[in-house]
Amino acid sequence: MATLLFRLANVSEEEAWEVRRLLDEHGFDTYETHAGFWRLGVDAIWLRDDTQLEAAREVLARYQAERQERVQQEHAERVERGQAPTLWQRLRHHPLQMLLVVCAVAAILALTLVPFLGLI
């Protein structure tokens, strides 16, 4: 019976491609499913052979640990060079998005605090 091995939702195309290649290099028998037009399914990579499950998960865990370390190192290098986006840069580049976030935070705070202030 097939087993869910790796969800592809919110995964960059680069990472998905690396995972596909890694699983193929190690000879795992996999297939992919897509969520479809109405997004009712699951974007995922499935393992056909349950006997390979432990080995596949081990390979993926090693890959994800290496990728996490690599991405953190790249981010630290960007911060060191001053190329990582700051809050003010994001505000300058995406003012409407930042305004909507501030409004959402204010609305949540208002809804949370109104009962304690006795305004209702």
PDB file of N, CA and C in Angstrom:
ATOM      1  N   MET A   1       0.842  -1.182   0.000  1.00  0.00           N
ATOM      2  CA  MET A   1       0.000   0.000   0.000  1.00  0.00           C
ATOM      3  C   MET A   1       0.886   1.244   0.000  1.00  0.00           C
ATOM      4  N   ALA A   2       0.485   2.254  -0.737  1.00  0.00           N
ATOM      5  CA  ALA A   2       1.269   3.481  -0.843  1.00  0.00           C
ATOM      6  C   ALA A   2       1.226   4.258   0.469  1.00  0.00           C
ATOM      7  N   THR A   3       2.326   4.954   0.741  1.00  0.00           N
ATOM      8  CA  THR A   3       2.460   5.730   1.962  1.00  0.00           C
ATOM      9  C   THR A   3       2.873   7.150   1.610  1.00  0.00           C
ATOM     10  N   LEU A   4       2.228   8.126   2.241  1.00  0.00           N
ATOM     11  CA  LEU A   4       2.584   9.522   2.040  1.00  0.00           C
ATOM     12  C   LEU A   4       4.005   9.741   2.541  1.00  0.00           C
ATOM     13  N   LEU A   5       4.840  10.276   1.682  1.00  0.00           N
ATOM     14  CA  LEU A   5       6.239  10.464   2.034  1.00  0.00           C
ATOM     15  C   LEU A   5       6.605  11.931   2.199  1.00  0.00           C
ATOM     16  N   PHE A   6       6.108  12.804   1.305  1.00  0.00           N
ATOM     17  CA  PHE A   6       6.535  14.200   1.325  1.00  0.00           C
ATOM     18  C   PHE A   6       5.426  15.067   0.740  1.00  0.00           C
ATOM     19  N   ARG A   7       4.906  15.989   1.533  1.00  0.00           N
ATOM     20  CA  ARG A   7       3.884  16.921   1.036  1.00  0.00           C
ATOM     21  C   ARG A   7       4.557  18.039   0.237  1.00  0.00           C
ATOM     22  N   LEU A   8       3.952  18.402  -0.869  1.00  0.00           N
ATOM     23  CA  LEU A   8       4.522  19.425  -1.737  1.00  0.00           C
ATOM     24  C   LEU A   8       3.835  20.782  -1.579  1.00  0.00           C
ATOM     25  N   ALA A   9       2.838  20.885  -0.726  1.00  0.00           N
ATOM     26  CA  ALA A   9       2.169  22.166  -0.499  1.00  0.00           C
ATOM     27  C   ALA A   9       3.154  23.135   0.154  1.00  0.00           C
ATOM     28  N   ASN A  10       3.203  24.346  -0.337  1.00  0.00           N
ATOM     29  CA  ASN A  10       4.075  25.406   0.186  1.00  0.00           C
ATOM     30  C   ASN A  10       5.559  25.055   0.101  1.00  0.00           C
ATOM     31  N   VAL A  11       5.930  24.239  -0.858  1.00  0.00           N
ATOM     32  CA  VAL A  11       7.330  23.879  -1.088  1.00  0.00           C
ATOM     33  C   VAL A  11       7.764  24.541  -2.383  1.00  0.00           C
ATOM     34  N   SER A  12       8.936  25.160  -2.371  1.00  0.00           N
ATOM     35  CA  SER A  12       9.425  25.797  -3.586  1.00  0.00           C
ATOM     36  C   SER A  12       9.677  24.753  -4.663  1.00  0.00           C
ATOM     37  N   GLU A  13       9.607  25.175  -5.902  1.00  0.00           N
ATOM     38  CA  GLU A  13       9.841  24.254  -7.017  1.00  0.00           C
ATOM     39  C   GLU A  13      11.252  23.695  -6.959  1.00  0.00           C
ATOM     40  N   GLU A  14      12.198  24.513  -6.513  1.00  0.00           N
ATOM     41  CA  GLU A  14      13.589  24.065  -6.378  1.00  0.00           C
ATOM     42  C   GLU A  14      13.703  22.912  -5.379  1.00  0.00           C
ATOM     43  N   GLU A  15      13.070  23.064  -4.224  1.00  0.00           N
ATOM     44  CA  GLU A  15      13.131  22.012  -3.209  1.00  0.00           C
ATOM     45  C   GLU A  15      12.411  20.752  -3.686  1.00  0.00           C
ATOM     46  N   ALA A  16      11.253  20.920  -4.332  1.00  0.00           N
ATOM     47  CA  ALA A  16      10.515  19.761  -4.846  1.00  0.00           C
ATOM     48  C   ALA A  16      11.363  19.014  -5.873  1.00  0.00           C
ATOM     49  N   TRP A  17      12.033  19.753  -6.745  1.00  0.00           N
ATOM     50  CA  TRP A  17      12.887  19.129  -7.751  1.00  0.00           C
ATOM     51  C   TRP A  17      14.031  18.378  -7.079  1.00  0.00           C
ATOM     52  N   GLU A  18      14.646  18.966  -6.044  1.00  0.00           N
ATOM     53  CA  GLU A  18      15.744  18.310  -5.329  1.00  0.00           C
ATOM     54  C   GLU A  18      15.272  17.025  -4.651  1.00  0.00           C
ATOM     55  N   VAL A  19      14.082  17.047  -4.071  1.00  0.00           N
ATOM     56  CA  VAL A  19      13.541  15.858  -3.399  1.00  0.00           C
ATOM     57  C   VAL A  19      13.263  14.764  -4.426  1.00  0.00           C
ATOM     58  N   ARG A  20      12.653  15.138  -5.552  1.00  0.00           N
ATOM     59  CA  ARG A  20      12.387  14.150  -6.601  1.00  0.00           C
ATOM     60  C   ARG A  20      13.683  13.492  -7.066  1.00  0.00           C
ATOM     61  N   ARG A  21      14.693  14.311  -7.321  1.00  0.00           N
ATOM     62  CA  ARG A  21      15.976  13.802  -7.797  1.00  0.00           C
ATOM     63  C   ARG A  21      16.630  12.906  -6.742  1.00  0.00           C
ATOM     64  N   LEU A  22      16.587  13.316  -5.490  1.00  0.00           N
ATOM     65  CA  LEU A  22      17.184  12.542  -4.403  1.00  0.00           C
ATOM     66  C   LEU A  22      16.526  11.165  -4.281  1.00  0.00           C
ATOM     67  N   LEU A  23      15.195  11.144  -4.307  1.00  0.00           N
ATOM     68  CA  LEU A  23      14.481   9.872  -4.201  1.00  0.00           C
ATOM     69  C   LEU A  23      14.773   8.979  -5.402  1.00  0.00           C
ATOM     70  N   ASP A  24      14.871   9.583  -6.568  1.00  0.00           N
ATOM     71  CA  ASP A  24      15.184   8.822  -7.778  1.00  0.00           C
ATOM     72  C   ASP A  24      16.604   8.256  -7.725  1.00  0.00           C
ATOM     73  N   GLU A  25      17.557   9.059  -7.249  1.00  0.00           N
ATOM     74  CA  GLU A  25      18.951   8.605  -7.145  1.00  0.00           C
ATOM     75  C   GLU A  25      19.094   7.417  -6.203  1.00  0.00           C
ATOM     76  N   HIS A  26      18.273   7.379  -5.160  1.00  0.00           N
ATOM     77  CA  HIS A  26      18.346   6.283  -4.198  1.00  0.00           C
ATOM     78  C   HIS A  26      17.470   5.093  -4.595  1.00  0.00           C
ATOM     79  N   GLY A  27      16.802   5.194  -5.733  1.00  0.00           N
ATOM     80  CA  GLY A  27      16.043   4.072  -6.263  1.00  0.00           C
ATOM     81  C   GLY A  27      14.714   3.795  -5.594  1.00  0.00           C
ATOM     82  N   PHE A  28      14.098   4.808  -4.984  1.00  0.00           N
ATOM     83  CA  PHE A  28      12.800   4.609  -4.352  1.00  0.00           C
ATOM     84  C   PHE A  28      11.706   4.662  -5.409  1.00  0.00           C
ATOM     85  N   ASP A  29      10.728   3.774  -5.281  1.00  0.00           N
ATOM     86  CA  ASP A  29       9.604   3.708  -6.211  1.00  0.00           C
ATOM     87  C   ASP A  29       8.523   4.673  -5.723  1.00  0.00           C
ATOM     88  N   THR A  30       8.418   5.836  -6.348  1.00  0.00           N
ATOM     89  CA  THR A  30       7.496   6.880  -5.909  1.00  0.00           C
ATOM     90  C   THR A  30       6.575   7.316  -7.034  1.00  0.00           C
ATOM     91  N   TYR A  31       5.540   8.017  -6.654  1.00  0.00           N
ATOM     92  CA  TYR A  31       4.681   8.704  -7.621  1.00  0.00           C
ATOM     93  C   TYR A  31       4.144   9.959  -6.957  1.00  0.00           C
ATOM     94  N   GLU A  32       3.640  10.885  -7.787  1.00  0.00           N
ATOM     95  CA  GLU A  32       3.140  12.164  -7.273  1.00  0.00           C
ATOM     96  C   GLU A  32       1.652  12.297  -7.499  1.00  0.00           C
ATOM     97  N   THR A  33       1.016  13.003  -6.579  1.00  0.00           N
ATOM     98  CA  THR A  33      -0.380  13.384  -6.760  1.00  0.00           C
ATOM     99  C   THR A  33      -0.468  14.906  -6.700  1.00  0.00           C
ATOM    100  N   HIS A  34      -1.478  15.428  -7.351  1.00  0.00           N
ATOM    101  CA  HIS A  34      -1.699  16.875  -7.372  1.00  0.00           C
ATOM    102  C   HIS A  34      -3.079  17.175  -6.807  1.00  0.00           C
ATOM    103  N   ALA A  35      -3.219  18.316  -6.192  1.00  0.00           N
ATOM    104  CA  ALA A  35      -4.469  18.671  -5.520  1.00  0.00           C
ATOM    105  C   ALA A  35      -5.613  18.882  -6.507  1.00  0.00           C
ATOM    106  N   GLY A  36      -5.317  19.146  -7.737  1.00  0.00           N
ATOM    107  CA  GLY A  36      -6.358  19.325  -8.743  1.00  0.00           C
ATOM    108  C   GLY A  36      -6.896  20.740  -8.793  1.00  0.00           C
ATOM    109  N   PHE A  37      -7.836  20.934  -9.677  1.00  0.00           N
ATOM    110  CA  PHE A  37      -8.391  22.259  -9.932  1.00  0.00           C
ATOM    111  C   PHE A  37      -9.055  22.862  -8.699  1.00  0.00           C
ATOM    112  N   TRP A  38      -9.816  22.071  -7.970  1.00  0.00           N
ATOM    113  CA  TRP A  38     -10.540  22.571  -6.803  1.00  0.00           C
ATOM    114  C   TRP A  38      -9.719  22.470  -5.527  1.00  0.00           C
ATOM    115  N   ARG A  39      -8.475  21.996  -5.618  1.00  0.00           N
ATOM    116  CA  ARG A  39      -7.556  21.874  -4.482  1.00  0.00           C
ATOM    117  C   ARG A  39      -8.118  20.948  -3.390  1.00  0.00           C
ATOM    118  N   LEU A  40      -8.827  19.909  -3.791  1.00  0.00           N
ATOM    119  CA  LEU A  40      -9.394  18.963  -2.842  1.00  0.00           C
ATOM    120  C   LEU A  40      -8.458  17.789  -2.562  1.00  0.00           C
ATOM    121  N   GLY A  41      -7.496  17.585  -3.426  1.00  0.00           N
ATOM    122  CA  GLY A  41      -6.550  16.496  -3.245  1.00  0.00           C
ATOM    123  C   GLY A  41      -5.330  16.943  -2.462  1.00  0.00           C
ATOM    124  N   VAL A  42      -4.271  16.160  -2.576  1.00  0.00           N
ATOM    125  CA  VAL A  42      -3.037  16.435  -1.848  1.00  0.00           C
ATOM    126  C   VAL A  42      -1.883  16.500  -2.836  1.00  0.00           C
ATOM    127  N   ASP A  43      -1.149  17.613  -2.799  1.00  0.00           N
ATOM    128  CA  ASP A  43       0.102  17.706  -3.556  1.00  0.00           C
ATOM    129  C   ASP A  43       1.145  16.963  -2.736  1.00  0.00           C
ATOM    130  N   ALA A  44       1.589  15.812  -3.227  1.00  0.00           N
ATOM    131  CA  ALA A  44       2.512  15.016  -2.416  1.00  0.00           C
ATOM    132  C   ALA A  44       3.273  14.008  -3.259  1.00  0.00           C
ATOM    133  N   ILE A  45       4.336  13.507  -2.655  1.00  0.00           N
ATOM    134  CA  ILE A  45       5.089  12.396  -3.220  1.00  0.00           C
ATOM    135  C   ILE A  45       4.785  11.191  -2.338  1.00  0.00           C
ATOM    136  N   TRP A  46       4.410  10.088  -2.959  1.00  0.00           N
ATOM    137  CA  TRP A  46       4.009   8.879  -2.254  1.00  0.00           C
ATOM    138  C   TRP A  46       5.022   7.774  -2.547  1.00  0.00           C
ATOM    139  N   LEU A  47       5.231   6.923  -1.584  1.00  0.00           N
ATOM    140  CA  LEU A  47       6.123   5.784  -1.717  1.00  0.00           C
ATOM    141  C   LEU A  47       5.268   4.545  -1.972  1.00  0.00           C
ATOM    142  N   ARG A  48       5.538   3.831  -3.057  1.00  0.00           N
ATOM    143  CA  ARG A  48       4.727   2.662  -3.408  1.00  0.00           C
ATOM    144  C   ARG A  48       5.012   1.466  -2.498  1.00  0.00           C
ATOM    145  N   ASP A  49       6.277   1.264  -2.136  1.00  0.00           N
ATOM    146  CA  ASP A  49       6.694   0.080  -1.393  1.00  0.00           C
ATOM    147  C   ASP A  49       6.920   0.426   0.074  1.00  0.00           C
ATOM    148  N   ASP A  50       6.080  -0.111   0.951  1.00  0.00           N
ATOM    149  CA  ASP A  50       6.181   0.178   2.391  1.00  0.00           C
ATOM    150  C   ASP A  50       7.485  -0.313   3.008  1.00  0.00           C
ATOM    151  N   THR A  51       8.111  -1.300   2.400  1.00  0.00           N
ATOM    152  CA  THR A  51       9.352  -1.823   2.976  1.00  0.00           C
ATOM    153  C   THR A  51      10.494  -0.820   2.846  1.00  0.00           C
ATOM    154  N   GLN A  52      10.348   0.159   1.961  1.00  0.00           N
ATOM    155  CA  GLN A  52      11.370   1.191   1.766  1.00  0.00           C
ATOM    156  C   GLN A  52      11.136   2.425   2.630  1.00  0.00           C
ATOM    157  N   LEU A  53      10.075   2.410   3.426  1.00  0.00           N
ATOM    158  CA  LEU A  53       9.656   3.609   4.153  1.00  0.00           C
ATOM    159  C   LEU A  53      10.732   4.139   5.096  1.00  0.00           C
ATOM    160  N   GLU A  54      11.306   3.300   5.936  1.00  0.00           N
ATOM    161  CA  GLU A  54      12.325   3.758   6.895  1.00  0.00           C
ATOM    162  C   GLU A  54      13.519   4.368   6.174  1.00  0.00           C
ATOM    163  N   ALA A  55      14.003   3.698   5.137  1.00  0.00           N
ATOM    164  CA  ALA A  55      15.167   4.191   4.395  1.00  0.00           C
ATOM    165  C   ALA A  55      14.842   5.518   3.720  1.00  0.00           C
ATOM    166  N   ALA A  56      13.651   5.629   3.142  1.00  0.00           N
ATOM    167  CA  ALA A  56      13.262   6.866   2.460  1.00  0.00           C
ATOM    168  C   ALA A  56      13.153   8.019   3.454  1.00  0.00           C
ATOM    169  N   ARG A  57      12.557   7.758   4.597  1.00  0.00           N
ATOM    170  CA  ARG A  57      12.431   8.818   5.612  1.00  0.00           C
ATOM    171  C   ARG A  57      13.800   9.239   6.132  1.00  0.00           C
ATOM    172  N   GLU A  58      14.700   8.287   6.268  1.00  0.00           N
ATOM    173  CA  GLU A  58      16.060   8.596   6.717  1.00  0.00           C
ATOM    174  C   GLU A  58      16.779   9.484   5.700  1.00  0.00           C
ATOM    175  N   VAL A  59      16.647   9.149   4.425  1.00  0.00           N
ATOM    176  CA  VAL A  59      17.268   9.950   3.360  1.00  0.00           C
ATOM    177  C   VAL A  59      16.677  11.355   3.362  1.00  0.00           C
ATOM    178  N   LEU A  60      15.348  11.460   3.491  1.00  0.00           N
ATOM    179  CA  LEU A  60      14.705  12.777   3.511  1.00  0.00           C
ATOM    180  C   LEU A  60      15.096  13.583   4.740  1.00  0.00           C
ATOM    181  N   ALA A  61      15.208  12.944   5.888  1.00  0.00           N
ATOM    182  CA  ALA A  61      15.603  13.654   7.114  1.00  0.00           C
ATOM    183  C   ALA A  61      17.009  14.218   6.969  1.00  0.00           C
ATOM    184  N   ARG A  62      17.919  13.426   6.400  1.00  0.00           N
ATOM    185  CA  ARG A  62      19.283  13.914   6.170  1.00  0.00           C
ATOM    186  C   ARG A  62      19.281  15.095   5.203  1.00  0.00           C
ATOM    187  N   TYR A  63      18.508  14.961   4.123  1.00  0.00           N
ATOM    188  CA  TYR A  63      18.421  16.035   3.127  1.00  0.00           C
ATOM    189  C   TYR A  63      17.871  17.316   3.764  1.00  0.00           C
ATOM    190  N   GLN A  64      16.798  17.195   4.537  1.00  0.00           N
ATOM    191  CA  GLN A  64      16.185  18.385   5.132  1.00  0.00           C
ATOM    192  C   GLN A  64      17.102  19.051   6.148  1.00  0.00           C
ATOM    193  N   ALA A  65      17.863  18.257   6.895  1.00  0.00           N
ATOM    194  CA  ALA A  65      18.823  18.839   7.844  1.00  0.00           C
ATOM    195  C   ALA A  65      19.911  19.597   7.095  1.00  0.00           C
ATOM    196  N   GLU A  66      20.409  19.013   5.992  1.00  0.00           N
ATOM    197  CA  GLU A  66      21.434  19.686   5.194  1.00  0.00           C
ATOM    198  C   GLU A  66      20.883  20.948   4.551  1.00  0.00           C
ATOM    199  N   ARG A  67      19.646  20.868   4.045  1.00  0.00           N
ATOM    200  CA  ARG A  67      19.036  22.037   3.400  1.00  0.00           C
ATOM    201  C   ARG A  67      18.803  23.152   4.420  1.00  0.00           C
ATOM    202  N   GLN A  68      18.338  22.797   5.607  1.00  0.00           N
ATOM    203  CA  GLN A  68      18.113  23.799   6.648  1.00  0.00           C
ATOM    204  C   GLN A  68      19.412  24.510   6.995  1.00  0.00           C
ATOM    205  N   GLU A  69      20.470  23.744   7.159  1.00  0.00           N
ATOM    206  CA  GLU A  69      21.768  24.337   7.480  1.00  0.00           C
ATOM    207  C   GLU A  69      22.238  25.256   6.359  1.00  0.00           C
ATOM    208  N   ARG A  70      22.071  24.807   5.116  1.00  0.00           N
ATOM    209  CA  ARG A  70      22.501  25.606   3.963  1.00  0.00           C
ATOM    210  C   ARG A  70      21.709  26.909   3.863  1.00  0.00           C
ATOM    211  N   VAL A  71      20.405  26.837   4.036  1.00  0.00           N
ATOM    212  CA  VAL A  71      19.562  28.033   3.929  1.00  0.00           C
ATOM    213  C   VAL A  71      19.862  29.012   5.059  1.00  0.00           C
ATOM    214  N   GLN A  72      20.057  28.491   6.270  1.00  0.00           N
ATOM    215  CA  GLN A  72      20.406  29.364   7.392  1.00  0.00           C
ATOM    216  C   GLN A  72      21.746  30.049   7.162  1.00  0.00           C
ATOM    217  N   GLN A  73      22.698  29.319   6.604  1.00  0.00           N
ATOM    218  CA  GLN A  73      24.003  29.899   6.320  1.00  0.00           C
ATOM    219  C   GLN A  73      23.888  30.981   5.246  1.00  0.00           C
ATOM    220  N   GLU A  74      23.097  30.723   4.197  1.00  0.00           N
ATOM    221  CA  GLU A  74      22.894  31.732   3.152  1.00  0.00           C
ATOM    222  C   GLU A  74      22.232  32.980   3.725  1.00  0.00           C
ATOM    223  N   HIS A  75      21.261  32.789   4.611  1.00  0.00           N
ATOM    224  CA  HIS A  75      20.593  33.943   5.229  1.00  0.00           C
ATOM    225  C   HIS A  75      21.570  34.725   6.099  1.00  0.00           C
ATOM    226  N   ALA A  76      22.384  34.018   6.878  1.00  0.00           N
ATOM    227  CA  ALA A  76      23.368  34.700   7.729  1.00  0.00           C
ATOM    228  C   ALA A  76      24.356  35.493   6.872  1.00  0.00           C
ATOM    229  N   GLU A  77      24.746  34.943   5.733  1.00  0.00           N
ATOM    230  CA  GLU A  77      25.657  35.666   4.837  1.00  0.00           C
ATOM    231  C   GLU A  77      24.998  36.909   4.264  1.00  0.00           C
ATOM    232  N   ARG A  78      23.696  36.814   3.906  1.00  0.00           N
ATOM    233  CA  ARG A  78      22.982  37.989   3.398  1.00  0.00           C
ATOM    234  C   ARG A  78      22.860  39.055   4.477  1.00  0.00           C
ATOM    235  N   VAL A  79      22.609  38.653   5.716  1.00  0.00           N
ATOM    236  CA  VAL A  79      22.519  39.610   6.820  1.00  0.00           C
ATOM    237  C   VAL A  79      23.870  40.278   7.024  1.00  0.00           C
ATOM    238  N   GLU A  80      24.927  39.487   6.970  1.00  0.00           N
ATOM    239  CA  GLU A  80      26.282  40.019   7.158  1.00  0.00           C
ATOM    240  C   GLU A  80      26.647  41.035   6.079  1.00  0.00           C
ATOM    241  N   ARG A  81      26.215  40.776   4.849  1.00  0.00           N
ATOM    242  CA  ARG A  81      26.499  41.689   3.736  1.00  0.00           C
ATOM    243  C   ARG A  81      25.513  42.855   3.688  1.00  0.00           C
ATOM    244  N   GLY A  82      24.468  42.792   4.517  1.00  0.00           N
ATOM    245  CA  GLY A  82      23.470  43.855   4.518  1.00  0.00           C
ATOM    246  C   GLY A  82      22.453  43.716   3.406  1.00  0.00           C
ATOM    247  N   GLN A  83      22.315  42.531   2.844  1.00  0.00           N
ATOM    248  CA  GLN A  83      21.386  42.313   1.737  1.00  0.00           C
ATOM    249  C   GLN A  83      20.068  41.681   2.172  1.00  0.00           C
ATOM    250  N   ALA A  84      19.948  41.292   3.429  1.00  0.00           N
ATOM    251  CA  ALA A  84      18.695  40.709   3.921  1.00  0.00           C
ATOM    252  C   ALA A  84      17.672  41.824   4.089  1.00  0.00           C
ATOM    253  N   PRO A  85      16.433  41.586   3.678  1.00  0.00           N
ATOM    254  CA  PRO A  85      15.423  42.650   3.783  1.00  0.00           C
ATOM    255  C   PRO A  85      15.081  42.953   5.242  1.00  0.00           C
ATOM    256  N   THR A  86      15.034  44.234   5.547  1.00  0.00           N
ATOM    257  CA  THR A  86      14.654  44.672   6.890  1.00  0.00           C
ATOM    258  C   THR A  86      13.177  45.060   6.887  1.00  0.00           C
ATOM    259  N   LEU A  87      12.647  45.335   8.057  1.00  0.00           N
ATOM    260  CA  LEU A  87      11.245  45.737   8.158  1.00  0.00           C
ATOM    261  C   LEU A  87      10.995  47.012   7.359  1.00  0.00           C
ATOM    262  N   TRP A  88      11.903  47.962   7.435  1.00  0.00           N
ATOM    263  CA  TRP A  88      11.712  49.237   6.736  1.00  0.00           C
ATOM    264  C   TRP A  88      11.795  49.062   5.231  1.00  0.00           C
ATOM    265  N   GLN A  89      12.661  48.173   4.766  1.00  0.00           N
ATOM    266  CA  GLN A  89      12.739  47.905   3.326  1.00  0.00           C
ATOM    267  C   GLN A  89      11.450  47.258   2.833  1.00  0.00           C
ATOM    268  N   ARG A  90      10.923  46.338   3.610  1.00  0.00           N
ATOM    269  CA  ARG A  90       9.654  45.702   3.232  1.00  0.00           C
ATOM    270  C   ARG A  90       8.526  46.724   3.207  1.00  0.00           C
ATOM    271  N   LEU A  91       8.523  47.628   4.190  1.00  0.00           N
ATOM    272  CA  LEU A  91       7.506  48.673   4.249  1.00  0.00           C
ATOM    273  C   LEU A  91       7.591  49.559   3.009  1.00  0.00           C
ATOM    274  N   ARG A  92       8.804  49.905   2.618  1.00  0.00           N
ATOM    275  CA  ARG A  92       9.011  50.752   1.451  1.00  0.00           C
ATOM    276  C   ARG A  92       8.614  50.040   0.159  1.00  0.00           C
ATOM    277  N   HIS A  93       8.899  48.735   0.047  1.00  0.00           N
ATOM    278  CA  HIS A  93       8.628  47.999  -1.190  1.00  0.00           C
ATOM    279  C   HIS A  93       7.182  47.497  -1.283  1.00  0.00           C
ATOM    280  N   HIS A  94       6.544  47.253  -0.138  1.00  0.00           N
ATOM    281  CA  HIS A  94       5.180  46.712  -0.121  1.00  0.00           C
ATOM    282  C   HIS A  94       4.322  47.486   0.884  1.00  0.00           C
ATOM    283  N   PRO A  95       4.068  48.774   0.635  1.00  0.00           N
ATOM    284  CA  PRO A  95       3.340  49.576   1.622  1.00  0.00           C
ATOM    285  C   PRO A  95       1.904  49.101   1.848  1.00  0.00           C
ATOM    286  N   LEU A  96       1.208  48.691   0.806  1.00  0.00           N
ATOM    287  CA  LEU A  96      -0.174  48.252   0.957  1.00  0.00           C
ATOM    288  C   LEU A  96      -0.248  46.964   1.779  1.00  0.00           C
ATOM    289  N   GLN A  97       0.628  46.033   1.498  1.00  0.00           N
ATOM    290  CA  GLN A  97       0.655  44.779   2.245  1.00  0.00           C
ATOM    291  C   GLN A  97       0.940  45.042   3.723  1.00  0.00           C
ATOM    292  N   MET A  98       1.893  45.902   4.008  1.00  0.00           N
ATOM    293  CA  MET A  98       2.227  46.220   5.398  1.00  0.00           C
ATOM    294  C   MET A  98       1.066  46.942   6.084  1.00  0.00           C
ATOM    295  N   LEU A  99       0.389  47.827   5.366  1.00  0.00           N
ATOM    296  CA  LEU A  99      -0.765  48.529   5.924  1.00  0.00           C
ATOM    297  C   LEU A  99      -1.875  47.537   6.271  1.00  0.00           C
ATOM    298  N   LEU A 100      -2.107  46.557   5.407  1.00  0.00           N
ATOM    299  CA  LEU A 100      -3.134  45.549   5.675  1.00  0.00           C
ATOM    300  C   LEU A 100      -2.762  44.685   6.886  1.00  0.00           C
ATOM    301  N   VAL A 101      -1.497  44.384   7.051  1.00  0.00           N
ATOM    302  CA  VAL A 101      -1.049  43.607   8.213  1.00  0.00           C
ATOM    303  C   VAL A 101      -1.273  44.412   9.481  1.00  0.00           C
ATOM    304  N   VAL A 102      -0.929  45.685   9.464  1.00  0.00           N
ATOM    305  CA  VAL A 102      -1.129  46.542  10.635  1.00  0.00           C
ATOM    306  C   VAL A 102      -2.617  46.655  10.959  1.00  0.00           C
ATOM    307  N   CYS A 103      -3.457  46.794   9.941  1.00  0.00           N
ATOM    308  CA  CYS A 103      -4.910  46.870  10.175  1.00  0.00           C
ATOM    309  C   CYS A 103      -5.435  45.564  10.761  1.00  0.00           C
ATOM    310  N   ALA A 104      -4.951  44.434  10.271  1.00  0.00           N
ATOM    311  CA  ALA A 104      -5.382  43.136  10.801  1.00  0.00           C
ATOM    312  C   ALA A 104      -4.971  42.987  12.266  1.00  0.00           C
ATOM    313  N   VAL A 105      -3.768  43.388  12.588  1.00  0.00           N
ATOM    314  CA  VAL A 105      -3.293  43.302  13.972  1.00  0.00           C
ATOM    315  C   VAL A 105      -4.136  44.222  14.856  1.00  0.00           C
ATOM    316  N   ALA A 106      -4.428  45.413  14.386  1.00  0.00           N
ATOM    317  CA  ALA A 106      -5.254  46.346  15.161  1.00  0.00           C
ATOM    318  C   ALA A 106      -6.665  45.797  15.364  1.00  0.00           C
ATOM    319  N   ALA A 107      -7.233  45.185  14.348  1.00  0.00           N
ATOM    320  CA  ALA A 107      -8.578  44.604  14.467  1.00  0.00           C
ATOM    321  C   ALA A 107      -8.590  43.461  15.473  1.00  0.00           C
ATOM    322  N   ILE A 108      -7.581  42.609  15.429  1.00  0.00           N
ATOM    323  CA  ILE A 108      -7.509  41.490  16.382  1.00  0.00           C
ATOM    324  C   ILE A 108      -7.354  42.015  17.803  1.00  0.00           C
ATOM    325  N   LEU A 109      -6.503  43.019  17.981  1.00  0.00           N
ATOM    326  CA  LEU A 109      -6.336  43.617  19.308  1.00  0.00           C
ATOM    327  C   LEU A 109      -7.640  44.246  19.796  1.00  0.00           C
ATOM    328  N   ALA A 110      -8.323  44.947  18.915  1.00  0.00           N
ATOM    329  CA  ALA A 110      -9.576  45.591  19.295  1.00  0.00           C
ATOM    330  C   ALA A 110     -10.612  44.549  19.711  1.00  0.00           C
ATOM    331  N   LEU A 111     -10.764  43.497  18.919  1.00  0.00           N
ATOM    332  CA  LEU A 111     -11.732  42.455  19.252  1.00  0.00           C
ATOM    333  C   LEU A 111     -11.373  41.736  20.545  1.00  0.00           C
ATOM    334  N   THR A 112     -10.096  41.628  20.822  1.00  0.00           N
ATOM    335  CA  THR A 112      -9.651  40.955  22.033  1.00  0.00           C
ATOM    336  C   THR A 112      -9.852  41.825  23.264  1.00  0.00           C
ATOM    337  N   LEU A 113      -9.610  43.132  23.154  1.00  0.00           N
ATOM    338  CA  LEU A 113      -9.641  44.020  24.315  1.00  0.00           C
ATOM    339  C   LEU A 113     -10.984  44.674  24.590  1.00  0.00           C
ATOM    340  N   VAL A 114     -11.873  44.738  23.615  1.00  0.00           N
ATOM    341  CA  VAL A 114     -13.160  45.409  23.801  1.00  0.00           C
ATOM    342  C   VAL A 114     -13.951  44.841  24.985  1.00  0.00           C
ATOM    343  N   PRO A 115     -14.039  43.548  25.170  1.00  0.00           N
ATOM    344  CA  PRO A 115     -14.810  43.047  26.344  1.00  0.00           C
ATOM    345  C   PRO A 115     -14.232  43.501  27.682  1.00  0.00           C
ATOM    346  N   PHE A 116     -12.949  43.701  27.767  1.00  0.00           N
ATOM    347  CA  PHE A 116     -12.323  44.106  29.021  1.00  0.00           C
ATOM    348  C   PHE A 116     -12.431  45.602  29.281  1.00  0.00           C
ATOM    349  N   LEU A 117     -12.675  46.361  28.224  1.00  0.00           N
ATOM    350  CA  LEU A 117     -12.782  47.802  28.388  1.00  0.00           C
ATOM    351  C   LEU A 117     -14.217  48.233  28.674  1.00  0.00           C
ATOM    352  N   GLY A 118     -15.157  47.322  28.570  1.00  0.00           N
ATOM    353  CA  GLY A 118     -16.556  47.614  28.883  1.00  0.00           C
ATOM    354  C   GLY A 118     -17.228  48.480  27.850  1.00  0.00           C
ATOM    355  N   LEU A 119     -16.786  48.449  26.626  1.00  0.00           N
ATOM    356  CA  LEU A 119     -17.383  49.267  25.574  1.00  0.00           C
ATOM    357  C   LEU A 119     -18.609  48.622  24.940  1.00  0.00           C
ATOM    358  N   ILE A 120     -18.827  47.368  25.259  1.00  0.00           N
ATOM    359  CA  ILE A 120     -19.999  46.695  24.669  1.00  0.00           C
ATOM    360  C   ILE A 120     -21.058  46.539  25.725  1.00  0.00           C
TER     361      ILE A 120
END
